[in-house]
Amino acid sequence: MTLQRPGEIPNQPGEYIEREPRGGQVPDPRLVTIKPGDSKLPPTQKPGYTWERKGPPKPRTACVHGREQPGRKYFTEGRTNELAGFLVN
């Protein structure tokens, strides 16, 4: 298990899940997709939380809680994308 801090250069592209500082589970963790060429890991919900790589990138649709959100913009390291990344409020 390799934990990385927000703002670090990701070791490799893939699906990353939010973890506590020592690798414990976070209640309601965020899952982000880091694509090749993304320069940094995004911020976490709380200071001290880290990111753990779970596997290779997976195709995603723009959805929140199982419902598709047409027209919603998602953020992937400096660019908007409706297919991957995390939601920008």
PDB file of N, CA and C in Angstrom:
ATOM      1  N   MET A   1       0.852  -1.176   0.000  1.00  0.00           N
ATOM      2  CA  MET A   1       0.000   0.000   0.000  1.00  0.00           C
ATOM      3  C   MET A   1       0.895   1.235   0.000  1.00  0.00           C
ATOM      4  N   THR A   2       0.778   2.031  -1.061  1.00  0.00           N
ATOM      5  CA  THR A   2       1.532   3.268  -1.166  1.00  0.00           C
ATOM      6  C   THR A   2       0.579   4.436  -1.017  1.00  0.00           C
ATOM      7  N   LEU A   3       0.813   5.260  -0.018  1.00  0.00           N
ATOM      8  CA  LEU A   3      -0.009   6.443   0.204  1.00  0.00           C
ATOM      9  C   LEU A   3       0.719   7.664  -0.329  1.00  0.00           C
ATOM     10  N   GLN A   4      -0.032   8.544  -0.973  1.00  0.00           N
ATOM     11  CA  GLN A   4       0.532   9.788  -1.496  1.00  0.00           C
ATOM     12  C   GLN A   4      -0.279  10.958  -0.980  1.00  0.00           C
ATOM     13  N   ARG A   5       0.391  12.072  -0.790  1.00  0.00           N
ATOM     14  CA  ARG A   5      -0.260  13.274  -0.275  1.00  0.00           C
ATOM     15  C   ARG A   5      -0.855  14.106  -1.410  1.00  0.00           C
ATOM     16  N   PRO A   6      -1.865  14.914  -1.085  1.00  0.00           N
ATOM     17  CA  PRO A   6      -2.421  15.825  -2.093  1.00  0.00           C
ATOM     18  C   PRO A   6      -1.331  16.757  -2.616  1.00  0.00           C
ATOM     19  N   GLY A   7      -1.364  17.044  -3.905  1.00  0.00           N
ATOM     20  CA  GLY A   7      -0.384  17.930  -4.516  1.00  0.00           C
ATOM     21  C   GLY A   7       0.865  17.227  -5.016  1.00  0.00           C
ATOM     22  N   GLU A   8       1.054  15.957  -4.623  1.00  0.00           N
ATOM     23  CA  GLU A   8       2.206  15.204  -5.119  1.00  0.00           C
ATOM     24  C   GLU A   8       1.964  14.755  -6.548  1.00  0.00           C
ATOM     25  N   ILE A   9       3.054  14.482  -7.253  1.00  0.00           N
ATOM     26  CA  ILE A   9       2.955  13.909  -8.591  1.00  0.00           C
ATOM     27  C   ILE A   9       2.568  12.440  -8.431  1.00  0.00           C
ATOM     28  N   PRO A  10       1.499  11.983  -9.083  1.00  0.00           N
ATOM     29  CA  PRO A  10       1.083  10.586  -8.913  1.00  0.00           C
ATOM     30  C   PRO A  10       2.139   9.624  -9.457  1.00  0.00           C
ATOM     31  N   ASN A  11       2.326   8.490  -8.758  1.00  0.00           N
ATOM     32  CA  ASN A  11       3.279   7.473  -9.213  1.00  0.00           C
ATOM     33  C   ASN A  11       2.888   6.943 -10.589  1.00  0.00           C
ATOM     34  N   GLN A  12       1.593   6.737 -10.797  1.00  0.00           N
ATOM     35  CA  GLN A  12       1.085   6.262 -12.083  1.00  0.00           C
ATOM     36  C   GLN A  12      -0.393   6.594 -12.193  1.00  0.00           C
ATOM     37  N   PRO A  13      -0.940   6.625 -13.416  1.00  0.00           N
ATOM     38  CA  PRO A  13      -2.361   6.911 -13.583  1.00  0.00           C
ATOM     39  C   PRO A  13      -3.206   5.797 -12.976  1.00  0.00           C
ATOM     40  N   GLY A  14      -4.441   6.118 -12.637  1.00  0.00           N
ATOM     41  CA  GLY A  14      -5.345   5.097 -12.116  1.00  0.00           C
ATOM     42  C   GLY A  14      -6.428   5.687 -11.238  1.00  0.00           C
ATOM     43  N   GLU A  15      -7.153   4.778 -10.583  1.00  0.00           N
ATOM     44  CA  GLU A  15      -8.197   5.144  -9.635  1.00  0.00           C
ATOM     45  C   GLU A  15      -7.540   5.315  -8.265  1.00  0.00           C
ATOM     46  N   TYR A  16      -7.793   6.447  -7.618  1.00  0.00           N
ATOM     47  CA  TYR A  16      -7.252   6.721  -6.293  1.00  0.00           C
ATOM     48  C   TYR A  16      -8.405   6.937  -5.321  1.00  0.00           C
ATOM     49  N   ILE A  17      -8.262   6.389  -4.103  1.00  0.00           N
ATOM     50  CA  ILE A  17      -9.280   6.544  -3.066  1.00  0.00           C
ATOM     51  C   ILE A  17      -8.664   7.280  -1.884  1.00  0.00           C
ATOM     52  N   GLU A  18      -9.486   8.075  -1.234  1.00  0.00           N
ATOM     53  CA  GLU A  18      -9.039   8.867  -0.093  1.00  0.00           C
ATOM     54  C   GLU A  18      -8.853   7.963   1.135  1.00  0.00           C
ATOM     55  N   ARG A  19      -7.766   8.174   1.876  1.00  0.00           N
ATOM     56  CA  ARG A  19      -7.444   7.385   3.069  1.00  0.00           C
ATOM     57  C   ARG A  19      -7.011   8.301   4.210  1.00  0.00           C
ATOM     58  N   GLU A  20      -7.081   7.765   5.446  1.00  0.00           N
ATOM     59  CA  GLU A  20      -6.559   8.477   6.610  1.00  0.00           C
ATOM     60  C   GLU A  20      -5.032   8.476   6.555  1.00  0.00           C
ATOM     61  N   PRO A  21      -4.366   9.280   7.406  1.00  0.00           N
ATOM     62  CA  PRO A  21      -2.911   9.400   7.327  1.00  0.00           C
ATOM     63  C   PRO A  21      -2.148   8.073   7.401  1.00  0.00           C
ATOM     64  N   ARG A  22      -2.640   7.106   8.174  1.00  0.00           N
ATOM     65  CA  ARG A  22      -1.945   5.816   8.282  1.00  0.00           C
ATOM     66  C   ARG A  22      -2.582   4.737   7.411  1.00  0.00           C
ATOM     67  N   GLY A  23      -3.460   5.128   6.521  1.00  0.00           N
ATOM     68  CA  GLY A  23      -4.057   4.180   5.586  1.00  0.00           C
ATOM     69  C   GLY A  23      -5.417   3.655   5.978  1.00  0.00           C
ATOM     70  N   GLY A  24      -5.991   4.134   7.072  1.00  0.00           N
ATOM     71  CA  GLY A  24      -7.313   3.688   7.505  1.00  0.00           C
ATOM     72  C   GLY A  24      -8.413   4.193   6.587  1.00  0.00           C
ATOM     73  N   GLN A  25      -9.585   3.580   6.703  1.00  0.00           N
ATOM     74  CA  GLN A  25     -10.713   3.977   5.870  1.00  0.00           C
ATOM     75  C   GLN A  25     -11.272   5.322   6.306  1.00  0.00           C
ATOM     76  N   VAL A  26     -11.720   6.087   5.321  1.00  0.00           N
ATOM     77  CA  VAL A  26     -12.333   7.392   5.532  1.00  0.00           C
ATOM     78  C   VAL A  26     -13.841   7.218   5.360  1.00  0.00           C
ATOM     79  N   PRO A  27     -14.658   7.800   6.251  1.00  0.00           N
ATOM     80  CA  PRO A  27     -16.097   7.748   6.018  1.00  0.00           C
ATOM     81  C   PRO A  27     -16.446   8.548   4.760  1.00  0.00           C
ATOM     82  N   ASP A  28     -17.221   7.973   3.873  1.00  0.00           N
ATOM     83  CA  ASP A  28     -17.620   8.599   2.613  1.00  0.00           C
ATOM     84  C   ASP A  28     -16.398   9.099   1.819  1.00  0.00           C
ATOM     85  N   PRO A  29     -15.463   8.190   1.459  1.00  0.00           N
ATOM     86  CA  PRO A  29     -14.242   8.614   0.759  1.00  0.00           C
ATOM     87  C   PRO A  29     -14.521   9.055  -0.672  1.00  0.00           C
ATOM     88  N   ARG A  30     -13.690   9.954  -1.172  1.00  0.00           N
ATOM     89  CA  ARG A  30     -13.780  10.367  -2.573  1.00  0.00           C
ATOM     90  C   ARG A  30     -12.930   9.414  -3.406  1.00  0.00           C
ATOM     91  N   LEU A  31     -13.368   9.151  -4.609  1.00  0.00           N
ATOM     92  CA  LEU A  31     -12.640   8.335  -5.571  1.00  0.00           C
ATOM     93  C   LEU A  31     -12.381   9.212  -6.788  1.00  0.00           C
ATOM     94  N   VAL A  32     -11.106   9.328  -7.185  1.00  0.00           N
ATOM     95  CA  VAL A  32     -10.757  10.160  -8.331  1.00  0.00           C
ATOM     96  C   VAL A  32     -10.016   9.335  -9.365  1.00  0.00           C
ATOM     97  N   THR A  33     -10.122   9.753 -10.612  1.00  0.00           N
ATOM     98  CA  THR A  33      -9.395   9.122 -11.703  1.00  0.00           C
ATOM     99  C   THR A  33      -8.262  10.051 -12.116  1.00  0.00           C
ATOM    100  N   ILE A  34      -7.050   9.539 -12.056  1.00  0.00           N
ATOM    101  CA  ILE A  34      -5.879  10.283 -12.495  1.00  0.00           C
ATOM    102  C   ILE A  34      -5.487   9.719 -13.854  1.00  0.00           C
ATOM    103  N   LYS A  35      -5.469  10.580 -14.855  1.00  0.00           N
ATOM    104  CA  LYS A  35      -5.140  10.154 -16.215  1.00  0.00           C
ATOM    105  C   LYS A  35      -3.681  10.445 -16.524  1.00  0.00           C
ATOM    106  N   PRO A  36      -3.122   9.775 -17.552  1.00  0.00           N
ATOM    107  CA  PRO A  36      -1.741  10.088 -17.952  1.00  0.00           C
ATOM    108  C   PRO A  36      -1.623  11.577 -18.279  1.00  0.00           C
ATOM    109  N   GLY A  37      -0.607  12.204 -17.779  1.00  0.00           N
ATOM    110  CA  GLY A  37      -0.408  13.628 -18.031  1.00  0.00           C
ATOM    111  C   GLY A  37      -0.913  14.526 -16.922  1.00  0.00           C
ATOM    112  N   ASP A  38      -1.740  14.004 -16.000  1.00  0.00           N
ATOM    113  CA  ASP A  38      -2.177  14.827 -14.867  1.00  0.00           C
ATOM    114  C   ASP A  38      -0.965  15.093 -13.979  1.00  0.00           C
ATOM    115  N   SER A  39      -0.808  16.338 -13.555  1.00  0.00           N
ATOM    116  CA  SER A  39       0.423  16.708 -12.865  1.00  0.00           C
ATOM    117  C   SER A  39       0.398  16.520 -11.356  1.00  0.00           C
ATOM    118  N   LYS A  40      -0.780  16.628 -10.707  1.00  0.00           N
ATOM    119  CA  LYS A  40      -0.824  16.534  -9.249  1.00  0.00           C
ATOM    120  C   LYS A  40      -2.069  15.796  -8.784  1.00  0.00           C
ATOM    121  N   LEU A  41      -1.982  15.246  -7.569  1.00  0.00           N
ATOM    122  CA  LEU A  41      -3.160  14.661  -6.929  1.00  0.00           C
ATOM    123  C   LEU A  41      -4.011  15.789  -6.356  1.00  0.00           C
ATOM    124  N   PRO A  42      -5.337  15.672  -6.406  1.00  0.00           N
ATOM    125  CA  PRO A  42      -6.210  16.753  -5.944  1.00  0.00           C
ATOM    126  C   PRO A  42      -6.239  16.869  -4.418  1.00  0.00           C
ATOM    127  N   PRO A  43      -6.816  17.955  -3.897  1.00  0.00           N
ATOM    128  CA  PRO A  43      -6.967  18.111  -2.449  1.00  0.00           C
ATOM    129  C   PRO A  43      -7.893  17.034  -1.875  1.00  0.00           C
ATOM    130  N   THR A  44      -7.740  16.753  -0.586  1.00  0.00           N
ATOM    131  CA  THR A  44      -8.609  15.807   0.112  1.00  0.00           C
ATOM    132  C   THR A  44      -9.634  16.577   0.930  1.00  0.00           C
ATOM    133  N   GLN A  45     -10.593  15.848   1.526  1.00  0.00           N
ATOM    134  CA  GLN A  45     -11.656  16.477   2.304  1.00  0.00           C
ATOM    135  C   GLN A  45     -11.137  17.131   3.581  1.00  0.00           C
ATOM    136  N   LYS A  46     -10.122  16.518   4.198  1.00  0.00           N
ATOM    137  CA  LYS A  46      -9.569  17.045   5.445  1.00  0.00           C
ATOM    138  C   LYS A  46      -8.049  17.057   5.375  1.00  0.00           C
ATOM    139  N   PRO A  47      -7.408  17.997   6.075  1.00  0.00           N
ATOM    140  CA  PRO A  47      -5.946  17.998   6.124  1.00  0.00           C
ATOM    141  C   PRO A  47      -5.441  16.684   6.728  1.00  0.00           C
ATOM    142  N   GLY A  48      -4.372  16.166   6.181  1.00  0.00           N
ATOM    143  CA  GLY A  48      -3.785  14.932   6.694  1.00  0.00           C
ATOM    144  C   GLY A  48      -4.228  13.690   5.946  1.00  0.00           C
ATOM    145  N   TYR A  49      -5.382  13.751   5.255  1.00  0.00           N
ATOM    146  CA  TYR A  49      -5.820  12.601   4.470  1.00  0.00           C
ATOM    147  C   TYR A  49      -4.857  12.402   3.300  1.00  0.00           C
ATOM    148  N   THR A  50      -4.789  11.185   2.803  1.00  0.00           N
ATOM    149  CA  THR A  50      -3.886  10.836   1.713  1.00  0.00           C
ATOM    150  C   THR A  50      -4.663  10.142   0.601  1.00  0.00           C
ATOM    151  N   TRP A  51      -3.963   9.790  -0.476  1.00  0.00           N
ATOM    152  CA  TRP A  51      -4.550   9.056  -1.605  1.00  0.00           C
ATOM    153  C   TRP A  51      -3.854   7.705  -1.743  1.00  0.00           C
ATOM    154  N   GLU A  52      -4.646   6.668  -2.025  1.00  0.00           N
ATOM    155  CA  GLU A  52      -4.112   5.331  -2.289  1.00  0.00           C
ATOM    156  C   GLU A  52      -4.589   4.884  -3.670  1.00  0.00           C
ATOM    157  N   ARG A  53      -3.673   4.382  -4.482  1.00  0.00           N
ATOM    158  CA  ARG A  53      -4.046   3.899  -5.813  1.00  0.00           C
ATOM    159  C   ARG A  53      -4.725   2.546  -5.682  1.00  0.00           C
ATOM    160  N   LYS A  54      -5.922   2.418  -6.295  1.00  0.00           N
ATOM    161  CA  LYS A  54      -6.692   1.183  -6.228  1.00  0.00           C
ATOM    162  C   LYS A  54      -6.563   0.330  -7.483  1.00  0.00           C
ATOM    163  N   GLY A  55      -6.197   0.914  -8.603  1.00  0.00           N
ATOM    164  CA  GLY A  55      -6.082   0.155  -9.837  1.00  0.00           C
ATOM    165  C   GLY A  55      -5.992   1.066 -11.039  1.00  0.00           C
ATOM    166  N   PRO A  56      -6.041   0.466 -12.238  1.00  0.00           N
ATOM    167  CA  PRO A  56      -5.935   1.264 -13.461  1.00  0.00           C
ATOM    168  C   PRO A  56      -7.165   2.144 -13.676  1.00  0.00           C
ATOM    169  N   PRO A  57      -7.041   3.174 -14.533  1.00  0.00           N
ATOM    170  CA  PRO A  57      -8.192   4.037 -14.810  1.00  0.00           C
ATOM    171  C   PRO A  57      -9.339   3.246 -15.416  1.00  0.00           C
ATOM    172  N   LYS A  58     -10.554   3.580 -15.011  1.00  0.00           N
ATOM    173  CA  LYS A  58     -11.752   2.938 -15.543  1.00  0.00           C
ATOM    174  C   LYS A  58     -12.594   3.985 -16.253  1.00  0.00           C
ATOM    175  N   PRO A  59     -13.297   3.594 -17.307  1.00  0.00           N
ATOM    176  CA  PRO A  59     -14.198   4.562 -17.958  1.00  0.00           C
ATOM    177  C   PRO A  59     -15.286   4.988 -16.968  1.00  0.00           C
ATOM    178  N   ARG A  60     -15.599   6.273 -16.939  1.00  0.00           N
ATOM    179  CA  ARG A  60     -16.609   6.791 -16.019  1.00  0.00           C
ATOM    180  C   ARG A  60     -17.652   7.592 -16.788  1.00  0.00           C
ATOM    181  N   THR A  61     -18.839   7.636 -16.218  1.00  0.00           N
ATOM    182  CA  THR A  61     -19.870   8.530 -16.727  1.00  0.00           C
ATOM    183  C   THR A  61     -20.074   9.620 -15.692  1.00  0.00           C
ATOM    184  N   ALA A  62     -20.644  10.714 -16.102  1.00  0.00           N
ATOM    185  CA  ALA A  62     -20.900  11.822 -15.185  1.00  0.00           C
ATOM    186  C   ALA A  62     -22.112  11.477 -14.334  1.00  0.00           C
ATOM    187  N   CYS A  63     -21.871  10.972 -13.134  1.00  0.00           N
ATOM    188  CA  CYS A  63     -22.990  10.625 -12.271  1.00  0.00           C
ATOM    189  C   CYS A  63     -22.645  10.912 -10.823  1.00  0.00           C
ATOM    190  N   VAL A  64     -23.672  11.166 -10.034  1.00  0.00           N
ATOM    191  CA  VAL A  64     -23.542  11.381  -8.605  1.00  0.00           C
ATOM    192  C   VAL A  64     -24.593  10.509  -7.938  1.00  0.00           C
ATOM    193  N   HIS A  65     -24.166   9.643  -7.035  1.00  0.00           N
ATOM    194  CA  HIS A  65     -25.071   8.744  -6.332  1.00  0.00           C
ATOM    195  C   HIS A  65     -25.932   7.931  -7.298  1.00  0.00           C
ATOM    196  N   GLY A  66     -25.313   7.452  -8.382  1.00  0.00           N
ATOM    197  CA  GLY A  66     -26.002   6.584  -9.320  1.00  0.00           C
ATOM    198  C   GLY A  66     -26.896   7.277 -10.323  1.00  0.00           C
ATOM    199  N   ARG A  67     -27.025   8.593 -10.242  1.00  0.00           N
ATOM    200  CA  ARG A  67     -27.879   9.319 -11.191  1.00  0.00           C
ATOM    201  C   ARG A  67     -27.013  10.160 -12.108  1.00  0.00           C
ATOM    202  N   GLU A  68     -27.251  10.046 -13.381  1.00  0.00           N
ATOM    203  CA  GLU A  68     -26.489  10.848 -14.331  1.00  0.00           C
ATOM    204  C   GLU A  68     -26.863  12.317 -14.173  1.00  0.00           C
ATOM    205  N   GLN A  69     -25.884  13.169 -14.269  1.00  0.00           N
ATOM    206  CA  GLN A  69     -26.080  14.606 -14.112  1.00  0.00           C
ATOM    207  C   GLN A  69     -25.704  15.314 -15.415  1.00  0.00           C
ATOM    208  N   PRO A  70     -26.621  15.400 -16.394  1.00  0.00           N
ATOM    209  CA  PRO A  70     -26.273  16.050 -17.651  1.00  0.00           C
ATOM    210  C   PRO A  70     -25.855  17.502 -17.438  1.00  0.00           C
ATOM    211  N   GLY A  71     -24.817  17.894 -18.147  1.00  0.00           N
ATOM    212  CA  GLY A  71     -24.370  19.275 -18.081  1.00  0.00           C
ATOM    213  C   GLY A  71     -23.486  19.602 -16.901  1.00  0.00           C
ATOM    214  N   ARG A  72     -23.334  18.675 -15.931  1.00  0.00           N
ATOM    215  CA  ARG A  72     -22.455  18.939 -14.790  1.00  0.00           C
ATOM    216  C   ARG A  72     -21.014  18.818 -15.238  1.00  0.00           C
ATOM    217  N   LYS A  73     -20.165  19.638 -14.716  1.00  0.00           N
ATOM    218  CA  LYS A  73     -18.759  19.629 -15.085  1.00  0.00           C
ATOM    219  C   LYS A  73     -17.946  18.915 -14.017  1.00  0.00           C
ATOM    220  N   TYR A  74     -17.039  18.107 -14.444  1.00  0.00           N
ATOM    221  CA  TYR A  74     -16.141  17.383 -13.551  1.00  0.00           C
ATOM    222  C   TYR A  74     -14.732  17.883 -13.798  1.00  0.00           C
ATOM    223  N   PHE A  75     -13.888  17.822 -12.790  1.00  0.00           N
ATOM    224  CA  PHE A  75     -12.563  18.412 -12.850  1.00  0.00           C
ATOM    225  C   PHE A  75     -11.500  17.329 -12.897  1.00  0.00           C
ATOM    226  N   THR A  76     -10.600  17.423 -13.850  1.00  0.00           N
ATOM    227  CA  THR A  76      -9.452  16.527 -13.921  1.00  0.00           C
ATOM    228  C   THR A  76      -8.229  17.388 -14.144  1.00  0.00           C
ATOM    229  N   GLU A  77      -7.560  17.737 -13.083  1.00  0.00           N
ATOM    230  CA  GLU A  77      -6.294  18.478 -13.086  1.00  0.00           C
ATOM    231  C   GLU A  77      -6.217  19.579 -14.131  1.00  0.00           C
ATOM    232  N   GLY A  78      -6.950  20.648 -13.919  1.00  0.00           N
ATOM    233  CA  GLY A  78      -6.814  21.829 -14.751  1.00  0.00           C
ATOM    234  C   GLY A  78      -7.716  21.877 -15.975  1.00  0.00           C
ATOM    235  N   ARG A  79      -8.522  20.860 -16.191  1.00  0.00           N
ATOM    236  CA  ARG A  79      -9.428  20.904 -17.346  1.00  0.00           C
ATOM    237  C   ARG A  79     -10.769  20.293 -16.959  1.00  0.00           C
ATOM    238  N   THR A  80     -11.841  20.807 -17.538  1.00  0.00           N
ATOM    239  CA  THR A  80     -13.144  20.226 -17.264  1.00  0.00           C
ATOM    240  C   THR A  80     -13.373  19.051 -18.197  1.00  0.00           C
ATOM    241  N   ASN A  81     -14.068  18.067 -17.700  1.00  0.00           N
ATOM    242  CA  ASN A  81     -14.300  16.847 -18.462  1.00  0.00           C
ATOM    243  C   ASN A  81     -15.545  16.187 -17.897  1.00  0.00           C
ATOM    244  N   GLU A  82     -16.506  15.849 -18.716  1.00  0.00           N
ATOM    245  CA  GLU A  82     -17.727  15.249 -18.231  1.00  0.00           C
ATOM    246  C   GLU A  82     -17.589  13.736 -18.021  1.00  0.00           C
ATOM    247  N   LEU A  83     -16.444  13.154 -18.306  1.00  0.00           N
ATOM    248  CA  LEU A  83     -16.309  11.707 -18.201  1.00  0.00           C
ATOM    249  C   LEU A  83     -15.455  11.233 -17.030  1.00  0.00           C
ATOM    250  N   ALA A  84     -14.602  12.066 -16.479  1.00  0.00           N
ATOM    251  CA  ALA A  84     -13.720  11.586 -15.412  1.00  0.00           C
ATOM    252  C   ALA A  84     -13.363  12.690 -14.462  1.00  0.00           C
ATOM    253  N   GLY A  85     -12.840  12.335 -13.320  1.00  0.00           N
ATOM    254  CA  GLY A  85     -12.388  13.307 -12.336  1.00  0.00           C
ATOM    255  C   GLY A  85     -13.377  13.471 -11.225  1.00  0.00           C
ATOM    256  N   PHE A  86     -13.342  14.608 -10.556  1.00  0.00           N
ATOM    257  CA  PHE A  86     -14.241  14.831  -9.442  1.00  0.00           C
ATOM    258  C   PHE A  86     -15.076  16.073  -9.690  1.00  0.00           C
ATOM    259  N   LEU A  87     -16.221  16.130  -9.034  1.00  0.00           N
ATOM    260  CA  LEU A  87     -17.210  17.164  -9.255  1.00  0.00           C
ATOM    261  C   LEU A  87     -16.753  18.505  -8.693  1.00  0.00           C
ATOM    262  N   VAL A  88     -16.962  19.543  -9.460  1.00  0.00           N
ATOM    263  CA  VAL A  88     -16.684  20.899  -9.020  1.00  0.00           C
ATOM    264  C   VAL A  88     -18.019  21.551  -8.674  1.00  0.00           C
ATOM    265  N   ASN A  89     -18.151  22.026  -7.456  1.00  0.00           N
ATOM    266  CA  ASN A  89     -19.416  22.663  -7.040  1.00  0.00           C
ATOM    267  C   ASN A  89     -19.478  24.090  -7.489  1.00  0.00           C
TER     268      ASN A  89
END
